[in-house]
């Protein structure tokens, strides 16, 4: 059901693209997130030097959590990489 996600690869892709991520939240709710880590979409006060794979921007702990900027809702959102159903790069952004 869930797809294997290489966090390092996804992080690299998020730095260059907007990605549609479909995942299940911990409460079982299905969520579609259009996320990125591209500087041009992030808030002006974002320190790009702090956005690293090892230093999650929302302070999420654990290997499974990943935080991205939601381009639709204009806010930081996180998802667990072990609950991802699909990922697709969006070329329209």
PDB file of N, CA and C in Angstrom:
ATOM      1  N   UNK A   1       0.817  -1.191   0.000  1.00  0.00           N
ATOM      2  CA  UNK A   1       0.000   0.000   0.000  1.00  0.00           C
ATOM      3  C   UNK A   1       0.869   1.267   0.000  1.00  0.00           C
ATOM      4  N   UNK A   2       1.771   1.391   0.981  1.00  0.00           N
ATOM      5  CA  UNK A   2       2.666   2.550   1.012  1.00  0.00           C
ATOM      6  C   UNK A   2       3.884   2.286   0.140  1.00  0.00           C
ATOM      7  N   UNK A   3       4.402   3.344  -0.453  1.00  0.00           N
ATOM      8  CA  UNK A   3       5.574   3.193  -1.316  1.00  0.00           C
ATOM      9  C   UNK A   3       6.839   3.466  -0.509  1.00  0.00           C
ATOM     10  N   UNK A   4       7.945   2.811  -0.867  1.00  0.00           N
ATOM     11  CA  UNK A   4       9.203   3.109  -0.184  1.00  0.00           C
ATOM     12  C   UNK A   4       9.692   4.501  -0.597  1.00  0.00           C
ATOM     13  N   UNK A   5      10.108   5.282   0.372  1.00  0.00           N
ATOM     14  CA  UNK A   5      10.546   6.657   0.115  1.00  0.00           C
ATOM     15  C   UNK A   5      11.968   6.816   0.633  1.00  0.00           C
ATOM     16  N   UNK A   6      12.862   7.230  -0.251  1.00  0.00           N
ATOM     17  CA  UNK A   6      14.222   7.557   0.147  1.00  0.00           C
ATOM     18  C   UNK A   6      14.228   9.035   0.524  1.00  0.00           C
ATOM     19  N   UNK A   7      14.363   9.303   1.800  1.00  0.00           N
ATOM     20  CA  UNK A   7      14.244  10.679   2.299  1.00  0.00           C
ATOM     21  C   UNK A   7      15.284  11.615   1.659  1.00  0.00           C
ATOM     22  N   UNK A   8      16.480  11.120   1.455  1.00  0.00           N
ATOM     23  CA  UNK A   8      17.542  11.953   0.858  1.00  0.00           C
ATOM     24  C   UNK A   8      17.174  12.347  -0.583  1.00  0.00           C
ATOM     25  N   UNK A   9      16.658  11.404  -1.354  1.00  0.00           N
ATOM     26  CA  UNK A   9      16.256  11.685  -2.735  1.00  0.00           C
ATOM     27  C   UNK A   9      15.085  12.658  -2.774  1.00  0.00           C
ATOM     28  N   UNK A  10      14.094  12.429  -1.923  1.00  0.00           N
ATOM     29  CA  UNK A  10      12.922  13.307  -1.883  1.00  0.00           C
ATOM     30  C   UNK A  10      13.332  14.718  -1.473  1.00  0.00           C
ATOM     31  N   UNK A  11      14.215  14.831  -0.489  1.00  0.00           N
ATOM     32  CA  UNK A  11      14.691  16.143  -0.056  1.00  0.00           C
ATOM     33  C   UNK A  11      15.336  16.888  -1.217  1.00  0.00           C
ATOM     34  N   UNK A  12      16.176  16.196  -1.960  1.00  0.00           N
ATOM     35  CA  UNK A  12      16.835  16.791  -3.118  1.00  0.00           C
ATOM     36  C   UNK A  12      15.812  17.229  -4.167  1.00  0.00           C
ATOM     37  N   UNK A  13      14.826  16.382  -4.435  1.00  0.00           N
ATOM     38  CA  UNK A  13      13.782  16.728  -5.409  1.00  0.00           C
ATOM     39  C   UNK A  13      12.955  17.933  -4.947  1.00  0.00           C
ATOM     40  N   UNK A  14      12.664  18.008  -3.653  1.00  0.00           N
ATOM     41  CA  UNK A  14      11.873  19.121  -3.117  1.00  0.00           C
ATOM     42  C   UNK A  14      12.616  20.448  -3.211  1.00  0.00           C
ATOM     43  N   UNK A  15      13.932  20.423  -3.233  1.00  0.00           N
ATOM     44  CA  UNK A  15      14.726  21.651  -3.367  1.00  0.00           C
ATOM     45  C   UNK A  15      14.630  22.231  -4.781  1.00  0.00           C
ATOM     46  N   UNK A  16      14.179  21.397  -5.748  1.00  0.00           N
ATOM     47  CA  UNK A  16      14.136  21.823  -7.140  1.00  0.00           C
ATOM     48  C   UNK A  16      12.749  21.786  -7.764  1.00  0.00           C
ATOM     49  N   UNK A  17      11.761  21.199  -7.076  1.00  0.00           N
ATOM     50  CA  UNK A  17      10.435  21.026  -7.660  1.00  0.00           C
ATOM     51  C   UNK A  17       9.339  21.177  -6.607  1.00  0.00           C
ATOM     52  N   UNK A  18       8.125  21.355  -7.102  1.00  0.00           N
ATOM     53  CA  UNK A  18       6.933  21.201  -6.270  1.00  0.00           C
ATOM     54  C   UNK A  18       6.460  19.774  -6.499  1.00  0.00           C
ATOM     55  N   UNK A  19       6.194  19.066  -5.424  1.00  0.00           N
ATOM     56  CA  UNK A  19       5.815  17.665  -5.512  1.00  0.00           C
ATOM     57  C   UNK A  19       4.460  17.462  -4.859  1.00  0.00           C
ATOM     58  N   UNK A  20       3.592  16.767  -5.561  1.00  0.00           N
ATOM     59  CA  UNK A  20       2.319  16.378  -4.972  1.00  0.00           C
ATOM     60  C   UNK A  20       2.539  15.069  -4.220  1.00  0.00           C
ATOM     61  N   UNK A  21       2.255  15.116  -2.916  1.00  0.00           N
ATOM     62  CA  UNK A  21       2.467  13.978  -2.047  1.00  0.00           C
ATOM     63  C   UNK A  21       1.113  13.540  -1.497  1.00  0.00           C
ATOM     64  N   UNK A  22       0.759  12.293  -1.736  1.00  0.00           N
ATOM     65  CA  UNK A  22      -0.469  11.734  -1.183  1.00  0.00           C
ATOM     66  C   UNK A  22      -0.043  10.789  -0.062  1.00  0.00           C
ATOM     67  N   UNK A  23      -0.584  11.024   1.139  1.00  0.00           N
ATOM     68  CA  UNK A  23      -0.186  10.215   2.289  1.00  0.00           C
ATOM     69  C   UNK A  23      -1.344  10.089   3.266  1.00  0.00           C
ATOM     70  N   UNK A  24      -1.213   9.147   4.161  1.00  0.00           N
ATOM     71  CA  UNK A  24      -2.177   8.976   5.235  1.00  0.00           C
ATOM     72  C   UNK A  24      -1.633   9.631   6.494  1.00  0.00           C
ATOM     73  N   UNK A  25      -2.445  10.477   7.102  1.00  0.00           N
ATOM     74  CA  UNK A  25      -2.076  11.082   8.371  1.00  0.00           C
ATOM     75  C   UNK A  25      -2.160  10.014   9.459  1.00  0.00           C
ATOM     76  N   UNK A  26      -1.585  10.290  10.608  1.00  0.00           N
ATOM     77  CA  UNK A  26      -1.604   9.318  11.697  1.00  0.00           C
ATOM     78  C   UNK A  26      -3.014   8.983  12.156  1.00  0.00           C
ATOM     79  N   UNK A  27      -3.954   9.923  11.978  1.00  0.00           N
ATOM     80  CA  UNK A  27      -5.341   9.671  12.382  1.00  0.00           C
ATOM     81  C   UNK A  27      -6.113   8.884  11.319  1.00  0.00           C
ATOM     82  N   UNK A  28      -5.432   8.497  10.226  1.00  0.00           N
ATOM     83  CA  UNK A  28      -6.051   7.708   9.169  1.00  0.00           C
ATOM     84  C   UNK A  28      -6.605   8.530   8.015  1.00  0.00           C
ATOM     85  N   UNK A  29      -6.675   9.832   8.179  1.00  0.00           N
ATOM     86  CA  UNK A  29      -7.185  10.713   7.124  1.00  0.00           C
ATOM     87  C   UNK A  29      -6.187  10.776   5.969  1.00  0.00           C
ATOM     88  N   UNK A  30      -6.689  10.700   4.757  1.00  0.00           N
ATOM     89  CA  UNK A  30      -5.854  10.807   3.563  1.00  0.00           C
ATOM     90  C   UNK A  30      -5.656  12.281   3.235  1.00  0.00           C
ATOM     91  N   UNK A  31      -4.429  12.653   2.850  1.00  0.00           N
ATOM     92  CA  UNK A  31      -4.113  14.053   2.595  1.00  0.00           C
ATOM     93  C   UNK A  31      -3.343  14.174   1.295  1.00  0.00           C
ATOM     94  N   UNK A  32      -3.639  15.213   0.521  1.00  0.00           N
ATOM     95  CA  UNK A  32      -2.882  15.550  -0.683  1.00  0.00           C
ATOM     96  C   UNK A  32      -2.184  16.869  -0.396  1.00  0.00           C
ATOM     97  N   UNK A  33      -0.883  16.866  -0.521  1.00  0.00           N
ATOM     98  CA  UNK A  33      -0.057  18.021  -0.194  1.00  0.00           C
ATOM     99  C   UNK A  33       0.784  18.388  -1.399  1.00  0.00           C
ATOM    100  N   UNK A  34       0.780  19.636  -1.754  1.00  0.00           N
ATOM    101  CA  UNK A  34       1.687  20.128  -2.800  1.00  0.00           C
ATOM    102  C   UNK A  34       2.795  20.880  -2.085  1.00  0.00           C
ATOM    103  N   UNK A  35       3.922  20.197  -1.959  1.00  0.00           N
ATOM    104  CA  UNK A  35       5.000  20.724  -1.134  1.00  0.00           C
ATOM    105  C   UNK A  35       6.278  20.977  -1.891  1.00  0.00           C
ATOM    106  N   UNK A  36       7.102  21.850  -1.302  1.00  0.00           N
ATOM    107  CA  UNK A  36       8.394  22.181  -1.887  1.00  0.00           C
ATOM    108  C   UNK A  36       9.329  22.708  -0.811  1.00  0.00           C
ATOM    109  N   UNK A  37      10.602  22.766  -1.164  1.00  0.00           N
ATOM    110  CA  UNK A  37      11.614  23.451  -0.369  1.00  0.00           C
ATOM    111  C   UNK A  37      12.369  24.439  -1.258  1.00  0.00           C
ATOM    112  N   UNK A  38      11.755  24.828  -2.371  1.00  0.00           N
ATOM    113  CA  UNK A  38      12.356  25.797  -3.292  1.00  0.00           C
ATOM    114  C   UNK A  38      12.279  27.191  -2.674  1.00  0.00           C
ATOM    115  N   UNK A  39      13.401  27.879  -2.657  1.00  0.00           N
ATOM    116  CA  UNK A  39      13.487  29.193  -2.027  1.00  0.00           C
ATOM    117  C   UNK A  39      12.470  30.206  -2.505  1.00  0.00           C
ATOM    118  N   UNK A  40      12.128  30.197  -3.765  1.00  0.00           N
ATOM    119  CA  UNK A  40      11.214  31.217  -4.294  1.00  0.00           C
ATOM    120  C   UNK A  40       9.790  31.080  -3.764  1.00  0.00           C
ATOM    121  N   UNK A  41       9.443  29.928  -3.195  1.00  0.00           N
ATOM    122  CA  UNK A  41       8.099  29.729  -2.645  1.00  0.00           C
ATOM    123  C   UNK A  41       8.045  29.916  -1.132  1.00  0.00           C
ATOM    124  N   UNK A  42       9.183  29.872  -0.476  1.00  0.00           N
ATOM    125  CA  UNK A  42       9.221  29.929   0.979  1.00  0.00           C
ATOM    126  C   UNK A  42       9.023  31.355   1.484  1.00  0.00           C
ATOM    127  N   UNK A  43       8.597  31.510   2.742  1.00  0.00           N
ATOM    128  CA  UNK A  43       8.427  32.861   3.300  1.00  0.00           C
ATOM    129  C   UNK A  43       9.736  33.650   3.242  1.00  0.00           C
ATOM    130  N   UNK A  44       9.621  34.961   3.125  1.00  0.00           N
ATOM    131  CA  UNK A  44      10.797  35.826   3.005  1.00  0.00           C
ATOM    132  C   UNK A  44      11.767  35.674   4.167  1.00  0.00           C
ATOM    133  N   UNK A  45      11.260  35.381   5.349  1.00  0.00           N
ATOM    134  CA  UNK A  45      12.131  35.303   6.522  1.00  0.00           C
ATOM    135  C   UNK A  45      12.782  33.927   6.702  1.00  0.00           C
ATOM    136  N   UNK A  46      12.664  33.050   5.721  1.00  0.00           N
ATOM    137  CA  UNK A  46      13.236  31.709   5.822  1.00  0.00           C
ATOM    138  C   UNK A  46      14.741  31.757   5.594  1.00  0.00           C
ATOM    139  N   UNK A  47      15.482  31.224   6.531  1.00  0.00           N
ATOM    140  CA  UNK A  47      16.935  31.121   6.405  1.00  0.00           C
ATOM    141  C   UNK A  47      17.242  29.821   5.666  1.00  0.00           C
ATOM    142  N   UNK A  48      17.552  29.919   4.385  1.00  0.00           N
ATOM    143  CA  UNK A  48      17.775  28.737   3.548  1.00  0.00           C
ATOM    144  C   UNK A  48      18.929  27.867   4.060  1.00  0.00           C
ATOM    145  N   UNK A  49      19.876  28.459   4.780  1.00  0.00           N
ATOM    146  CA  UNK A  49      21.005  27.671   5.274  1.00  0.00           C
ATOM    147  C   UNK A  49      20.584  26.688   6.361  1.00  0.00           C
ATOM    148  N   UNK A  50      19.420  26.910   6.969  1.00  0.00           N
ATOM    149  CA  UNK A  50      18.959  26.000   8.025  1.00  0.00           C
ATOM    150  C   UNK A  50      18.132  24.843   7.479  1.00  0.00           C
ATOM    151  N   UNK A  51      17.783  24.900   6.196  1.00  0.00           N
ATOM    152  CA  UNK A  51      16.975  23.829   5.615  1.00  0.00           C
ATOM    153  C   UNK A  51      17.903  22.748   5.077  1.00  0.00           C
ATOM    154  N   UNK A  52      18.098  21.759   5.915  1.00  0.00           N
ATOM    155  CA  UNK A  52      18.934  20.621   5.556  1.00  0.00           C
ATOM    156  C   UNK A  52      18.173  19.352   5.896  1.00  0.00           C
ATOM    157  N   UNK A  53      18.625  18.262   5.373  1.00  0.00           N
ATOM    158  CA  UNK A  53      17.983  16.981   5.657  1.00  0.00           C
ATOM    159  C   UNK A  53      18.086  16.640   7.143  1.00  0.00           C
ATOM    160  N   UNK A  54      19.203  16.998   7.751  1.00  0.00           N
ATOM    161  CA  UNK A  54      19.429  16.673   9.156  1.00  0.00           C
ATOM    162  C   UNK A  54      18.728  17.644  10.102  1.00  0.00           C
ATOM    163  N   UNK A  55      18.425  18.858   9.628  1.00  0.00           N
ATOM    164  CA  UNK A  55      17.828  19.896  10.471  1.00  0.00           C
ATOM    165  C   UNK A  55      16.443  20.216   9.940  1.00  0.00           C
ATOM    166  N   UNK A  56      15.468  19.403  10.292  1.00  0.00           N
ATOM    167  CA  UNK A  56      14.104  19.582   9.804  1.00  0.00           C
ATOM    168  C   UNK A  56      13.567  20.937  10.254  1.00  0.00           C
ATOM    169  N   UNK A  57      12.969  21.707   9.338  1.00  0.00           N
ATOM    170  CA  UNK A  57      12.574  23.086   9.627  1.00  0.00           C
ATOM    171  C   UNK A  57      11.515  23.220  10.702  1.00  0.00           C
ATOM    172  N   UNK A  58      10.727  22.209  10.930  1.00  0.00           N
ATOM    173  CA  UNK A  58       9.687  22.303  11.959  1.00  0.00           C
ATOM    174  C   UNK A  58      10.108  21.607  13.250  1.00  0.00           C
ATOM    175  N   UNK A  59      11.356  21.176  13.304  1.00  0.00           N
ATOM    176  CA  UNK A  59      11.836  20.526  14.510  1.00  0.00           C
ATOM    177  C   UNK A  59      11.257  19.138  14.727  1.00  0.00           C
ATOM    178  N   UNK A  60      10.780  18.513  13.659  1.00  0.00           N
ATOM    179  CA  UNK A  60      10.229  17.164  13.767  1.00  0.00           C
ATOM    180  C   UNK A  60      11.347  16.196  14.146  1.00  0.00           C
ATOM    181  N   UNK A  61      11.034  15.292  15.033  1.00  0.00           N
ATOM    182  CA  UNK A  61      12.020  14.298  15.431  1.00  0.00           C
ATOM    183  C   UNK A  61      11.710  12.967  14.770  1.00  0.00           C
ATOM    184  N   UNK A  62      12.745  12.186  14.567  1.00  0.00           N
ATOM    185  CA  UNK A  62      12.567  10.861  13.995  1.00  0.00           C
ATOM    186  C   UNK A  62      12.877  10.838  12.520  1.00  0.00           C
ATOM    187  N   UNK A  63      13.276   9.671  12.069  1.00  0.00           N
ATOM    188  CA  UNK A  63      13.677   9.517  10.680  1.00  0.00           C
ATOM    189  C   UNK A  63      12.507   9.607   9.713  1.00  0.00           C
ATOM    190  N   UNK A  64      11.299   9.341  10.152  1.00  0.00           N
ATOM    191  CA  UNK A  64      10.161   9.265   9.246  1.00  0.00           C
ATOM    192  C   UNK A  64       9.519  10.611   8.946  1.00  0.00           C
ATOM    193  N   UNK A  65       9.705  11.612   9.780  1.00  0.00           N
ATOM    194  CA  UNK A  65       9.035  12.900   9.586  1.00  0.00           C
ATOM    195  C   UNK A  65       9.796  13.780   8.601  1.00  0.00           C
ATOM    196  N   UNK A  66       9.048  14.487   7.772  1.00  0.00           N
ATOM    197  CA  UNK A  66       9.639  15.418   6.813  1.00  0.00           C
ATOM    198  C   UNK A  66       8.728  16.636   6.732  1.00  0.00           C
ATOM    199  N   UNK A  67       9.321  17.824   6.739  1.00  0.00           N
ATOM    200  CA  UNK A  67       8.560  19.065   6.691  1.00  0.00           C
ATOM    201  C   UNK A  67       8.804  19.774   5.372  1.00  0.00           C
ATOM    202  N   UNK A  68       7.721  20.281   4.775  1.00  0.00           N
ATOM    203  CA  UNK A  68       7.793  20.990   3.498  1.00  0.00           C
ATOM    204  C   UNK A  68       6.884  22.215   3.547  1.00  0.00           C
ATOM    205  N   UNK A  69       7.072  23.114   2.605  1.00  0.00           N
ATOM    206  CA  UNK A  69       6.207  24.275   2.469  1.00  0.00           C
ATOM    207  C   UNK A  69       5.034  23.894   1.563  1.00  0.00           C
ATOM    208  N   UNK A  70       3.820  24.070   2.060  1.00  0.00           N
ATOM    209  CA  UNK A  70       2.599  23.777   1.305  1.00  0.00           C
ATOM    210  C   UNK A  70       2.292  24.997   0.427  1.00  0.00           C
ATOM    211  N   UNK A  71       2.437  24.853  -0.891  1.00  0.00           N
ATOM    212  CA  UNK A  71       2.262  25.992  -1.796  1.00  0.00           C
ATOM    213  C   UNK A  71       0.801  26.404  -1.944  1.00  0.00           C
ATOM    214  N   UNK A  72      -0.132  25.526  -1.633  1.00  0.00           N
ATOM    215  CA  UNK A  72      -1.549  25.875  -1.723  1.00  0.00           C
ATOM    216  C   UNK A  72      -2.036  26.583  -0.464  1.00  0.00           C
ATOM    217  N   UNK A  73      -1.646  26.071   0.695  1.00  0.00           N
ATOM    218  CA  UNK A  73      -2.128  26.618   1.962  1.00  0.00           C
ATOM    219  C   UNK A  73      -1.154  27.599   2.602  1.00  0.00           C
ATOM    220  N   UNK A  74      -0.007  27.814   1.952  1.00  0.00           N
ATOM    221  CA  UNK A  74       0.990  28.787   2.407  1.00  0.00           C
ATOM    222  C   UNK A  74       1.390  28.583   3.866  1.00  0.00           C
ATOM    223  N   UNK A  75       1.857  27.387   4.155  1.00  0.00           N
ATOM    224  CA  UNK A  75       2.315  27.094   5.508  1.00  0.00           C
ATOM    225  C   UNK A  75       3.176  25.846   5.538  1.00  0.00           C
ATOM    226  N   UNK A  76       3.918  25.687   6.639  1.00  0.00           N
ATOM    227  CA  UNK A  76       4.740  24.506   6.818  1.00  0.00           C
ATOM    228  C   UNK A  76       3.853  23.338   7.203  1.00  0.00           C
ATOM    229  N   UNK A  77       4.075  22.197   6.565  1.00  0.00           N
ATOM    230  CA  UNK A  77       3.327  20.987   6.848  1.00  0.00           C
ATOM    231  C   UNK A  77       4.324  19.823   6.909  1.00  0.00           C
ATOM    232  N   UNK A  78       3.984  18.832   7.685  1.00  0.00           N
ATOM    233  CA  UNK A  78       4.864  17.667   7.756  1.00  0.00           C
ATOM    234  C   UNK A  78       4.091  16.407   7.404  1.00  0.00           C
ATOM    235  N   UNK A  79       4.834  15.416   6.984  1.00  0.00           N
ATOM    236  CA  UNK A  79       4.267  14.103   6.671  1.00  0.00           C
ATOM    237  C   UNK A  79       5.287  13.058   7.060  1.00  0.00           C
ATOM    238  N   UNK A  80       4.811  11.860   7.230  1.00  0.00           N
ATOM    239  CA  UNK A  80       5.695  10.744   7.549  1.00  0.00           C
ATOM    240  C   UNK A  80       6.007   9.990   6.259  1.00  0.00           C
ATOM    241  N   UNK A  81       7.282   9.767   6.022  1.00  0.00           N
ATOM    242  CA  UNK A  81       7.699   9.112   4.784  1.00  0.00           C
ATOM    243  C   UNK A  81       7.279   7.649   4.733  1.00  0.00           C
ATOM    244  N   UNK A  82       6.949   7.065   5.872  1.00  0.00           N
ATOM    245  CA  UNK A  82       6.513   5.667   5.874  1.00  0.00           C
ATOM    246  C   UNK A  82       5.007   5.527   5.649  1.00  0.00           C
ATOM    247  N   UNK A  83       4.311   6.648   5.355  1.00  0.00           N
ATOM    248  CA  UNK A  83       2.868   6.619   5.122  1.00  0.00           C
ATOM    249  C   UNK A  83       2.494   7.245   3.770  1.00  0.00           C
ATOM    250  N   UNK A  84       3.475   7.300   2.847  1.00  0.00           N
ATOM    251  CA  UNK A  84       3.269   7.909   1.535  1.00  0.00           C
ATOM    252  C   UNK A  84       2.662   6.890   0.574  1.00  0.00           C
ATOM    253  N   UNK A  85       1.599   7.306  -0.100  1.00  0.00           N
ATOM    254  CA  UNK A  85       0.925   6.471  -1.097  1.00  0.00           C
ATOM    255  C   UNK A  85       1.431   6.754  -2.506  1.00  0.00           C
ATOM    256  N   UNK A  86       1.710   8.043  -2.808  1.00  0.00           N
ATOM    257  CA  UNK A  86       2.244   8.402  -4.126  1.00  0.00           C
ATOM    258  C   UNK A  86       2.917   9.758  -4.061  1.00  0.00           C
ATOM    259  N   UNK A  87       3.818   9.968  -5.021  1.00  0.00           N
ATOM    260  CA  UNK A  87       4.515  11.251  -5.171  1.00  0.00           C
ATOM    261  C   UNK A  87       4.642  11.532  -6.656  1.00  0.00           C
ATOM    262  N   UNK A  88       4.438  12.814  -7.015  1.00  0.00           N
ATOM    263  CA  UNK A  88       4.531  13.193  -8.418  1.00  0.00           C
ATOM    264  C   UNK A  88       5.034  14.627  -8.519  1.00  0.00           C
ATOM    265  N   UNK A  89       6.062  14.833  -9.337  1.00  0.00           N
ATOM    266  CA  UNK A  89       6.554  16.191  -9.575  1.00  0.00           C
ATOM    267  C   UNK A  89       5.537  16.944 -10.402  1.00  0.00           C
ATOM    268  N   UNK A  90       5.289  18.198 -10.017  1.00  0.00           N
ATOM    269  CA  UNK A  90       4.338  19.030 -10.734  1.00  0.00           C
ATOM    270  C   UNK A  90       5.096  20.028 -11.591  1.00  0.00           C
ATOM    271  N   UNK A  91       4.903  19.955 -12.868  1.00  0.00           N
ATOM    272  CA  UNK A  91       5.639  20.809 -13.798  1.00  0.00           C
ATOM    273  C   UNK A  91       4.984  22.183 -13.983  1.00  0.00           C
ATOM    274  N   UNK A  92       3.772  22.364 -13.489  1.00  0.00           N
ATOM    275  CA  UNK A  92       3.071  23.632 -13.707  1.00  0.00           C
ATOM    276  C   UNK A  92       3.497  24.729 -12.727  1.00  0.00           C
ATOM    277  N   UNK A  93       4.402  24.426 -11.810  1.00  0.00           N
ATOM    278  CA  UNK A  93       4.865  25.444 -10.864  1.00  0.00           C
ATOM    279  C   UNK A  93       6.193  25.979 -11.278  1.00  0.00           C
TER     280      UNK A  93
END
